[in-house]
Amino acid sequence: MTSICPSIIEKVDNLLRGASKGDQLVKAVQDVLAVLREGHLLTEMRLNPLVVGVHPLNRDGAGIICSDAHELLDNVLTVGYVQGRVTALAVEITDESVRKFNEELVQGANGLLGDLDGSRLKVVSLAGSHTNFMLRLIAQGAYHPSSLVSINDRLSMELVSKRDPALALAAQEGLVWQVLNREVAIQWPKLLAMMQSSFNATLQKQETELQLLR
């Protein structure tokens, strides 16, 4: 039995019925988020990168692409880290399979994604996933060959701080996340996939802009 207010359920159901692909999908998702915030099902909090994993839906089930996380770090080191450009959306963990997915993902990366303890995870990301894993790499001093910020191919917080203090601070303190209550994922199982599609469309535009800056 859900604890979500019936009026919130009705509003979200109506928005989802009217959603379609493209721009309408992006707008519908933003409208849904506004309703969920109204119903206290979406809260804002700053979370250390080490307690944030990635949702199994991310990147069509791939979770995190190792090369993308490392390339993102190189790009950010070139153009600079700007907190305001990061969209970070996550959802509370609904079951243990999500923790297992993250552990197997990181173990299978053979050090390219650092280490991960599934028991420490509080939420998993739907948007901002590669940014968070980039910050995890820095926080853990993980493998990343770079003459700018690494010593013996291991990231150095001191060197990152000298290169980009804002990036180092984000790695230490974490992103400010919009966090969905786990009840949302249970009530609307298809909603998370819609959110993924919506934010991926926005992300592609941001990545194009970043490449132009570089």
C-alpha atoms as a PDB file:
ATOM      1  CA  MET A   1       0.000   0.000   0.000  1.00  0.00           C
ATOM      2  CA  THR A   2       1.488   3.327  -1.063  1.00  0.00           C
ATOM      3  CA  SER A   3       1.755   6.261   1.315  1.00  0.00           C
ATOM      4  CA  ILE A   4       1.641   8.782  -1.532  1.00  0.00           C
ATOM      5  CA  CYS A   5      -1.203  11.294  -1.357  1.00  0.00           C
ATOM      6  CA  PRO A   6      -4.000  10.361  -3.828  1.00  0.00           C
ATOM      7  CA  SER A   7      -4.055  13.877  -5.297  1.00  0.00           C
ATOM      8  CA  ILE A   8      -0.332  13.616  -6.123  1.00  0.00           C
ATOM      9  CA  ILE A   9      -0.883  10.223  -7.746  1.00  0.00           C
ATOM     10  CA  GLU A  10      -3.681  11.677  -9.871  1.00  0.00           C
ATOM     11  CA  LYS A  11      -1.582  14.658 -10.991  1.00  0.00           C
ATOM     12  CA  VAL A  12       1.414  12.513 -11.929  1.00  0.00           C
ATOM     13  CA  ASP A  13      -0.763   9.938 -13.713  1.00  0.00           C
ATOM     14  CA  ASN A  14      -2.353  12.699 -15.799  1.00  0.00           C
ATOM     15  CA  LEU A  15       1.052  14.118 -16.742  1.00  0.00           C
ATOM     16  CA  LEU A  16       2.398  10.703 -17.702  1.00  0.00           C
ATOM     17  CA  ARG A  17      -0.617  10.011 -19.908  1.00  0.00           C
ATOM     18  CA  GLY A  18       0.065  13.209 -21.811  1.00  0.00           C
ATOM     19  CA  ALA A  19       3.797  12.642 -22.189  1.00  0.00           C
ATOM     20  CA  SER A  20       5.413  11.883 -25.533  1.00  0.00           C
ATOM     21  CA  LYS A  21       8.919  11.777 -26.958  1.00  0.00           C
ATOM     22  CA  GLY A  22      11.074  14.786 -27.735  1.00  0.00           C
ATOM     23  CA  ASP A  23      10.490  18.203 -26.193  1.00  0.00           C
ATOM     24  CA  GLN A  24       7.164  17.135 -24.702  1.00  0.00           C
ATOM     25  CA  LEU A  25       8.923  14.354 -22.777  1.00  0.00           C
ATOM     26  CA  VAL A  26      11.407  16.805 -21.290  1.00  0.00           C
ATOM     27  CA  LYS A  27       8.602  19.176 -20.286  1.00  0.00           C
ATOM     28  CA  ALA A  28       6.464  16.354 -18.866  1.00  0.00           C
ATOM     29  CA  VAL A  29       9.339  15.115 -16.700  1.00  0.00           C
ATOM     30  CA  GLN A  30       9.999  18.610 -15.372  1.00  0.00           C
ATOM     31  CA  ASP A  31       6.296  18.992 -14.574  1.00  0.00           C
ATOM     32  CA  VAL A  32       6.283  15.624 -12.790  1.00  0.00           C
ATOM     33  CA  LEU A  33       9.307  16.633 -10.724  1.00  0.00           C
ATOM     34  CA  ALA A  34       7.506  19.817  -9.683  1.00  0.00           C
ATOM     35  CA  VAL A  35       4.489  17.792  -8.522  1.00  0.00           C
ATOM     36  CA  LEU A  36       6.701  15.341  -6.631  1.00  0.00           C
ATOM     37  CA  ARG A  37       8.461  18.235  -4.922  1.00  0.00           C
ATOM     38  CA  GLU A  38       5.055  19.614  -3.951  1.00  0.00           C
ATOM     39  CA  GLY A  39       4.212  16.229  -2.422  1.00  0.00           C
ATOM     40  CA  HIS A  40       7.524  16.101  -0.499  1.00  0.00           C
ATOM     41  CA  LEU A  41       8.635  13.137  -2.588  1.00  0.00           C
ATOM     42  CA  LEU A  42      11.616  15.018  -4.025  1.00  0.00           C
ATOM     43  CA  THR A  43      14.132  16.525  -1.628  1.00  0.00           C
ATOM     44  CA  GLU A  44      17.448  18.313  -2.010  1.00  0.00           C
ATOM     45  CA  MET A  45      20.592  17.195  -0.220  1.00  0.00           C
ATOM     46  CA  ARG A  46      24.357  17.289  -0.591  1.00  0.00           C
ATOM     47  CA  LEU A  47      25.846  13.798  -0.666  1.00  0.00           C
ATOM     48  CA  ASN A  48      29.437  12.595  -0.554  1.00  0.00           C
ATOM     49  CA  PRO A  49      30.214  10.925  -3.901  1.00  0.00           C
ATOM     50  CA  LEU A  50      31.108   7.661  -2.159  1.00  0.00           C
ATOM     51  CA  VAL A  51      27.519   7.128  -0.940  1.00  0.00           C
ATOM     52  CA  VAL A  52      26.043   7.602  -4.431  1.00  0.00           C
ATOM     53  CA  GLY A  53      25.937   4.760  -6.939  1.00  0.00           C
ATOM     54  CA  VAL A  54      24.335   4.570 -10.366  1.00  0.00           C
ATOM     55  CA  HIS A  55      20.886   3.259 -11.255  1.00  0.00           C
ATOM     56  CA  PRO A  56      20.885   0.063 -13.352  1.00  0.00           C
ATOM     57  CA  LEU A  57      18.826   1.864 -16.025  1.00  0.00           C
ATOM     58  CA  ASN A  58      21.645   4.312 -16.745  1.00  0.00           C
ATOM     59  CA  ARG A  59      23.160   4.130 -20.239  1.00  0.00           C
ATOM     60  CA  ASP A  60      20.721   1.426 -21.328  1.00  0.00           C
ATOM     61  CA  GLY A  61      21.790  -0.889 -18.536  1.00  0.00           C
ATOM     62  CA  ALA A  62      25.530  -0.291 -18.825  1.00  0.00           C
ATOM     63  CA  GLY A  63      25.503   1.960 -15.762  1.00  0.00           C
ATOM     64  CA  ILE A  64      28.789   3.800 -16.237  1.00  0.00           C
ATOM     65  CA  ILE A  65      31.095   3.800 -19.258  1.00  0.00           C
ATOM     66  CA  CYS A  66      34.635   3.816 -17.825  1.00  0.00           C
ATOM     67  CA  SER A  67      36.173   5.733 -20.712  1.00  0.00           C
ATOM     68  CA  ASP A  68      33.443   8.380 -20.503  1.00  0.00           C
ATOM     69  CA  ALA A  69      34.113   9.024 -16.803  1.00  0.00           C
ATOM     70  CA  HIS A  70      37.843   9.468 -17.435  1.00  0.00           C
ATOM     71  CA  GLU A  71      37.271  11.580 -20.550  1.00  0.00           C
ATOM     72  CA  LEU A  72      34.879  13.778 -18.588  1.00  0.00           C
ATOM     73  CA  LEU A  73      37.587  14.369 -15.987  1.00  0.00           C
ATOM     74  CA  ASP A  74      40.078  15.372 -18.691  1.00  0.00           C
ATOM     75  CA  ASN A  75      37.504  17.725 -20.220  1.00  0.00           C
ATOM     76  CA  VAL A  76      36.689  19.326 -16.864  1.00  0.00           C
ATOM     77  CA  LEU A  77      40.388  19.795 -16.103  1.00  0.00           C
ATOM     78  CA  THR A  78      40.656  21.649 -19.418  1.00  0.00           C
ATOM     79  CA  VAL A  79      37.636  23.955 -19.218  1.00  0.00           C
ATOM     80  CA  GLY A  80      37.074  24.136 -15.437  1.00  0.00           C
ATOM     81  CA  TYR A  81      34.452  22.775 -13.063  1.00  0.00           C
ATOM     82  CA  VAL A  82      31.215  24.740 -12.676  1.00  0.00           C
ATOM     83  CA  GLN A  83      28.792  23.401 -10.056  1.00  0.00           C
ATOM     84  CA  GLY A  84      25.831  25.199 -11.631  1.00  0.00           C
ATOM     85  CA  ARG A  85      26.156  23.203 -14.856  1.00  0.00           C
ATOM     86  CA  VAL A  86      25.635  19.865 -13.108  1.00  0.00           C
ATOM     87  CA  THR A  87      22.177  18.283 -13.069  1.00  0.00           C
ATOM     88  CA  ALA A  88      22.113  15.674 -10.307  1.00  0.00           C
ATOM     89  CA  LEU A  89      19.006  13.520  -9.857  1.00  0.00           C
ATOM     90  CA  ALA A  90      18.917  10.337  -7.785  1.00  0.00           C
ATOM     91  CA  VAL A  91      16.471   7.903  -6.229  1.00  0.00           C
ATOM     92  CA  GLU A  92      16.555   6.077  -2.926  1.00  0.00           C
ATOM     93  CA  ILE A  93      17.551   2.423  -3.207  1.00  0.00           C
ATOM     94  CA  THR A  94      14.556   0.118  -3.551  1.00  0.00           C
ATOM     95  CA  ASP A  95      16.195  -3.302  -3.183  1.00  0.00           C
ATOM     96  CA  GLU A  96      19.512  -5.097  -2.693  1.00  0.00           C
ATOM     97  CA  SER A  97      19.860  -5.929  -6.394  1.00  0.00           C
ATOM     98  CA  VAL A  98      20.727  -2.273  -6.993  1.00  0.00           C
ATOM     99  CA  ARG A  99      23.651  -2.472  -4.563  1.00  0.00           C
ATOM    100  CA  LYS A 100      24.816  -5.710  -6.191  1.00  0.00           C
ATOM    101  CA  PHE A 101      24.631  -4.127  -9.658  1.00  0.00           C
ATOM    102  CA  ASN A 102      26.956  -1.342  -8.531  1.00  0.00           C
ATOM    103  CA  GLU A 103      29.427  -3.685  -6.866  1.00  0.00           C
ATOM    104  CA  GLU A 104      29.626  -5.904  -9.945  1.00  0.00           C
ATOM    105  CA  LEU A 105      29.928  -2.873 -12.239  1.00  0.00           C
ATOM    106  CA  VAL A 106      32.917  -1.483 -10.360  1.00  0.00           C
ATOM    107  CA  GLN A 107      34.569  -4.870  -9.820  1.00  0.00           C
ATOM    108  CA  GLY A 108      34.272  -5.578 -13.532  1.00  0.00           C
ATOM    109  CA  ALA A 109      36.029  -2.312 -14.381  1.00  0.00           C
ATOM    110  CA  ASN A 110      39.324  -3.625 -12.946  1.00  0.00           C
ATOM    111  CA  GLY A 111      40.189  -0.438 -11.076  1.00  0.00           C
ATOM    112  CA  LEU A 112      39.078   2.028 -13.745  1.00  0.00           C
ATOM    113  CA  LEU A 113      36.106   3.029 -11.570  1.00  0.00           C
ATOM    114  CA  GLY A 114      37.920   2.867  -8.239  1.00  0.00           C
ATOM    115  CA  ASP A 115      36.338   0.856  -5.424  1.00  0.00           C
ATOM    116  CA  LEU A 116      32.737   0.618  -4.237  1.00  0.00           C
ATOM    117  CA  ASP A 117      31.140  -0.748  -1.080  1.00  0.00           C
ATOM    118  CA  GLY A 118      27.474  -1.398  -1.833  1.00  0.00           C
ATOM    119  CA  SER A 119      26.508  -1.225   1.832  1.00  0.00           C
ATOM    120  CA  ARG A 120      27.548   2.448   1.925  1.00  0.00           C
ATOM    121  CA  LEU A 121      25.240   3.530  -0.890  1.00  0.00           C
ATOM    122  CA  LYS A 122      22.310   5.742   0.079  1.00  0.00           C
ATOM    123  CA  VAL A 123      20.984   6.624  -3.372  1.00  0.00           C
ATOM    124  CA  VAL A 124      21.620   5.821  -7.036  1.00  0.00           C
ATOM    125  CA  SER A 125      21.834   8.403  -9.791  1.00  0.00           C
ATOM    126  CA  LEU A 126      19.545   8.987 -12.760  1.00  0.00           C
ATOM    127  CA  ALA A 127      21.296  12.158 -13.960  1.00  0.00           C
ATOM    128  CA  GLY A 128      24.806  13.319 -13.128  1.00  0.00           C
ATOM    129  CA  SER A 129      26.046   9.728 -12.983  1.00  0.00           C
ATOM    130  CA  HIS A 130      29.356  10.160 -14.795  1.00  0.00           C
ATOM    131  CA  THR A 131      30.038  13.408 -12.959  1.00  0.00           C
ATOM    132  CA  ASN A 132      29.588  11.625  -9.639  1.00  0.00           C
ATOM    133  CA  PHE A 133      31.853   8.751 -10.669  1.00  0.00           C
ATOM    134  CA  MET A 134      34.446  11.286 -11.795  1.00  0.00           C
ATOM    135  CA  LEU A 135      34.303  12.746  -8.276  1.00  0.00           C
ATOM    136  CA  ARG A 136      34.518   9.242  -6.775  1.00  0.00           C
ATOM    137  CA  LEU A 137      37.736   8.669  -8.718  1.00  0.00           C
ATOM    138  CA  ILE A 138      39.252  11.846  -7.305  1.00  0.00           C
ATOM    139  CA  ALA A 139      38.052  11.158  -3.759  1.00  0.00           C
ATOM    140  CA  GLN A 140      39.587   7.681  -3.817  1.00  0.00           C
ATOM    141  CA  GLY A 141      42.852   8.611  -5.497  1.00  0.00           C
ATOM    142  CA  ALA A 142      41.961   6.117  -8.204  1.00  0.00           C
ATOM    143  CA  TYR A 143      43.798   5.243 -11.398  1.00  0.00           C
ATOM    144  CA  HIS A 144      43.876   8.031 -13.977  1.00  0.00           C
ATOM    145  CA  PRO A 145      46.987   8.709 -16.065  1.00  0.00           C
ATOM    146  CA  SER A 146      47.520  12.468 -16.109  1.00  0.00           C
ATOM    147  CA  SER A 147      50.591  14.659 -15.949  1.00  0.00           C
ATOM    148  CA  LEU A 148      48.435  17.397 -14.420  1.00  0.00           C
ATOM    149  CA  VAL A 149      46.723  15.793 -11.435  1.00  0.00           C
ATOM    150  CA  SER A 150      48.180  12.315 -10.897  1.00  0.00           C
ATOM    151  CA  ILE A 151      51.231  10.829  -9.204  1.00  0.00           C
ATOM    152  CA  ASN A 152      52.267   7.433 -10.557  1.00  0.00           C
ATOM    153  CA  ASP A 153      48.944   7.317 -12.435  1.00  0.00           C
ATOM    154  CA  ARG A 154      46.917   7.782  -9.211  1.00  0.00           C
ATOM    155  CA  LEU A 155      44.827  10.911  -8.772  1.00  0.00           C
ATOM    156  CA  SER A 156      46.141  13.342  -6.177  1.00  0.00           C
ATOM    157  CA  MET A 157      43.636  15.504  -4.294  1.00  0.00           C
ATOM    158  CA  GLU A 158      46.408  18.032  -3.673  1.00  0.00           C
ATOM    159  CA  LEU A 159      47.197  18.363  -7.376  1.00  0.00           C
ATOM    160  CA  VAL A 160      43.509  18.513  -8.306  1.00  0.00           C
ATOM    161  CA  SER A 161      43.028  21.259  -5.710  1.00  0.00           C
ATOM    162  CA  LYS A 162      45.892  23.286  -7.181  1.00  0.00           C
ATOM    163  CA  ARG A 163      44.538  22.845 -10.696  1.00  0.00           C
ATOM    164  CA  ASP A 164      40.835  23.410  -9.897  1.00  0.00           C
ATOM    165  CA  PRO A 165      39.832  24.153  -6.276  1.00  0.00           C
ATOM    166  CA  ALA A 166      36.108  23.923  -7.109  1.00  0.00           C
ATOM    167  CA  LEU A 167      36.552  20.425  -8.535  1.00  0.00           C
ATOM    168  CA  ALA A 168      38.505  19.277  -5.479  1.00  0.00           C
ATOM    169  CA  LEU A 169      35.828  20.690  -3.172  1.00  0.00           C
ATOM    170  CA  ALA A 170      33.110  18.853  -5.098  1.00  0.00           C
ATOM    171  CA  ALA A 171      35.075  15.607  -4.761  1.00  0.00           C
ATOM    172  CA  GLN A 172      35.347  16.142  -1.011  1.00  0.00           C
ATOM    173  CA  GLU A 173      31.819  17.364  -0.270  1.00  0.00           C
ATOM    174  CA  GLY A 174      29.779  15.943  -3.145  1.00  0.00           C
ATOM    175  CA  LEU A 175      27.065  17.256  -5.423  1.00  0.00           C
ATOM    176  CA  VAL A 176      23.745  18.762  -4.405  1.00  0.00           C
ATOM    177  CA  TRP A 177      21.237  16.097  -5.415  1.00  0.00           C
ATOM    178  CA  GLN A 178      17.519  16.122  -6.086  1.00  0.00           C
ATOM    179  CA  VAL A 179      16.526  12.815  -4.476  1.00  0.00           C
ATOM    180  CA  LEU A 180      13.339  10.912  -5.283  1.00  0.00           C
ATOM    181  CA  ASN A 181      11.629   8.978  -2.510  1.00  0.00           C
ATOM    182  CA  ARG A 182      11.763   5.208  -3.083  1.00  0.00           C
ATOM    183  CA  GLU A 183       7.930   5.204  -3.139  1.00  0.00           C
ATOM    184  CA  VAL A 184       8.100   7.035  -6.472  1.00  0.00           C
ATOM    185  CA  ALA A 185      10.022   4.190  -8.104  1.00  0.00           C
ATOM    186  CA  ILE A 186       7.556   1.654  -6.712  1.00  0.00           C
ATOM    187  CA  GLN A 187       4.400   3.575  -7.693  1.00  0.00           C
ATOM    188  CA  TRP A 188       5.556   4.497 -11.224  1.00  0.00           C
ATOM    189  CA  PRO A 189       8.064   1.851 -12.382  1.00  0.00           C
ATOM    190  CA  LYS A 190       8.271   3.322 -15.907  1.00  0.00           C
ATOM    191  CA  LEU A 191       8.873   6.871 -14.688  1.00  0.00           C
ATOM    192  CA  LEU A 192      12.584   6.386 -13.993  1.00  0.00           C
ATOM    193  CA  ALA A 193      13.171   5.277 -17.589  1.00  0.00           C
ATOM    194  CA  MET A 194      11.329   8.381 -18.813  1.00  0.00           C
ATOM    195  CA  MET A 195      13.520  10.552 -16.609  1.00  0.00           C
ATOM    196  CA  GLN A 196      16.610   8.837 -18.011  1.00  0.00           C
ATOM    197  CA  SER A 197      15.513   9.570 -21.583  1.00  0.00           C
ATOM    198  CA  SER A 198      14.688  13.164 -20.717  1.00  0.00           C
ATOM    199  CA  PHE A 199      17.974  13.942 -18.999  1.00  0.00           C
ATOM    200  CA  ASN A 200      19.992  12.088 -21.642  1.00  0.00           C
ATOM    201  CA  ALA A 201      18.509  14.405 -24.275  1.00  0.00           C
ATOM    202  CA  THR A 202      19.584  17.422 -22.220  1.00  0.00           C
ATOM    203  CA  LEU A 203      22.993  15.903 -21.478  1.00  0.00           C
ATOM    204  CA  GLN A 204      23.791  15.361 -25.153  1.00  0.00           C
ATOM    205  CA  LYS A 205      23.351  19.092 -25.732  1.00  0.00           C
ATOM    206  CA  GLN A 206      25.632  19.931 -22.780  1.00  0.00           C
ATOM    207  CA  GLU A 207      28.294  17.470 -23.959  1.00  0.00           C
ATOM    208  CA  THR A 208      28.271  19.085 -27.406  1.00  0.00           C
ATOM    209  CA  GLU A 209      28.780  22.501 -25.802  1.00  0.00           C
ATOM    210  CA  LEU A 210      31.644  21.135 -23.696  1.00  0.00           C
ATOM    211  CA  GLN A 211      33.401  19.710 -26.748  1.00  0.00           C
ATOM    212  CA  LEU A 212      33.104  23.085 -28.471  1.00  0.00           C
ATOM    213  CA  LEU A 213      34.703  24.767 -25.448  1.00  0.00           C
ATOM    214  CA  ARG A 214      37.546  22.294 -25.480  1.00  0.00           C
END
